[in-house]
Protein backbone atom coordinates (compact mmCIF):
# COMPACT_ATOMS: atom_id res chain seq x y z
CA MET A 1 0.71 -29.75 -9.51
CA LYS A 2 2.90 -30.27 -12.21
CA ASN A 3 6.12 -28.16 -12.62
CA LYS A 4 6.23 -26.41 -16.20
CA ALA A 5 9.24 -25.37 -18.05
CA PHE A 6 9.38 -21.16 -18.06
CA GLU A 7 8.92 -21.17 -21.71
CA GLU A 8 5.61 -23.18 -21.43
CA LEU A 9 4.18 -20.81 -18.86
CA THR A 10 1.34 -18.39 -19.97
CA ILE A 11 -0.45 -15.47 -18.28
CA VAL A 12 -3.25 -17.56 -16.78
CA ASP A 13 -0.54 -19.73 -15.07
CA ASP A 14 -0.56 -18.56 -11.32
CA TYR A 15 3.52 -18.11 -10.87
CA LEU A 16 3.82 -16.23 -14.18
CA PHE A 17 0.55 -13.88 -13.30
CA TYR A 18 2.18 -12.83 -10.12
CA LYS A 19 5.49 -12.37 -11.24
CA VAL A 20 4.22 -9.93 -14.11
CA LEU A 21 1.98 -8.18 -11.68
CA GLN A 22 5.12 -7.18 -9.31
CA ASP A 23 6.33 -4.88 -12.09
CA LEU A 24 3.86 -1.90 -11.38
CA THR A 25 4.65 -0.49 -15.09
CA ILE A 26 3.72 -3.96 -16.51
CA CYS A 27 0.72 -4.22 -14.01
CA LYS A 28 -0.50 -0.97 -15.02
CA ARG A 29 -0.52 -1.57 -18.79
CA LEU A 30 -2.12 -4.86 -18.20
CA LEU A 31 -4.83 -3.41 -16.28
CA GLY A 32 -5.35 -0.57 -18.99
CA HIS A 33 -5.78 -2.98 -21.60
CA VAL A 34 -8.06 -5.62 -20.03
CA LEU A 35 -10.56 -3.07 -18.46
CA LYS A 36 -9.85 -0.57 -21.59
CA GLU A 37 -9.44 2.63 -19.12
CA GLN A 38 -6.74 4.70 -18.50
CA ILE A 39 -4.92 3.54 -15.21
CA GLY A 40 -3.81 6.19 -12.62
CA GLU A 41 -1.41 5.64 -9.81
CA ILE A 42 -1.42 2.14 -8.57
CA ALA A 43 -0.93 2.24 -4.54
CA ASP A 44 -1.28 -0.24 -1.72
CA VAL A 45 -0.13 -3.08 -3.48
CA GLU A 46 -0.84 -6.44 -1.63
CA TYR A 47 0.62 -9.76 -2.92
CA GLN A 48 -1.52 -12.99 -2.91
CA LYS A 49 -2.02 -14.98 0.16
CA THR A 50 -2.89 -18.42 0.61
CA ILE A 51 -6.52 -18.97 2.09
CA HIS A 52 -7.27 -21.93 4.48
CA VAL A 53 -10.73 -23.09 4.64
CA GLU A 54 -11.75 -25.60 7.23
CA ARG A 55 -13.72 -28.39 6.24
CA SER A 56 -16.13 -28.64 9.29
CA ASP A 57 -17.58 -25.43 8.23
CA THR A 58 -21.26 -26.26 6.78
CA ILE A 59 -24.02 -24.30 5.45
CA LEU A 60 -27.49 -25.29 6.20
CA VAL A 61 -30.41 -24.55 3.41
CA SER A 62 -33.90 -25.09 4.36
CA GLY A 63 -37.05 -24.45 2.24
CA ARG A 64 -38.64 -25.59 -1.09
CA PHE A 65 -36.90 -25.51 -4.33
């Protein structure tokens, strides 16, 4: 992952998206704009977590395609 200057970041960059959504006022406005709906109270905020996936997990598919 390449580091970027702050001025190069956009809302799709993980860091900036996370920082913007930490401000509940901005979060509410952004969600309202994206969903085109009035947003009520935001509660039970849980911040991003890292998910570790084991490579040994296997899915077996049988049958005809």
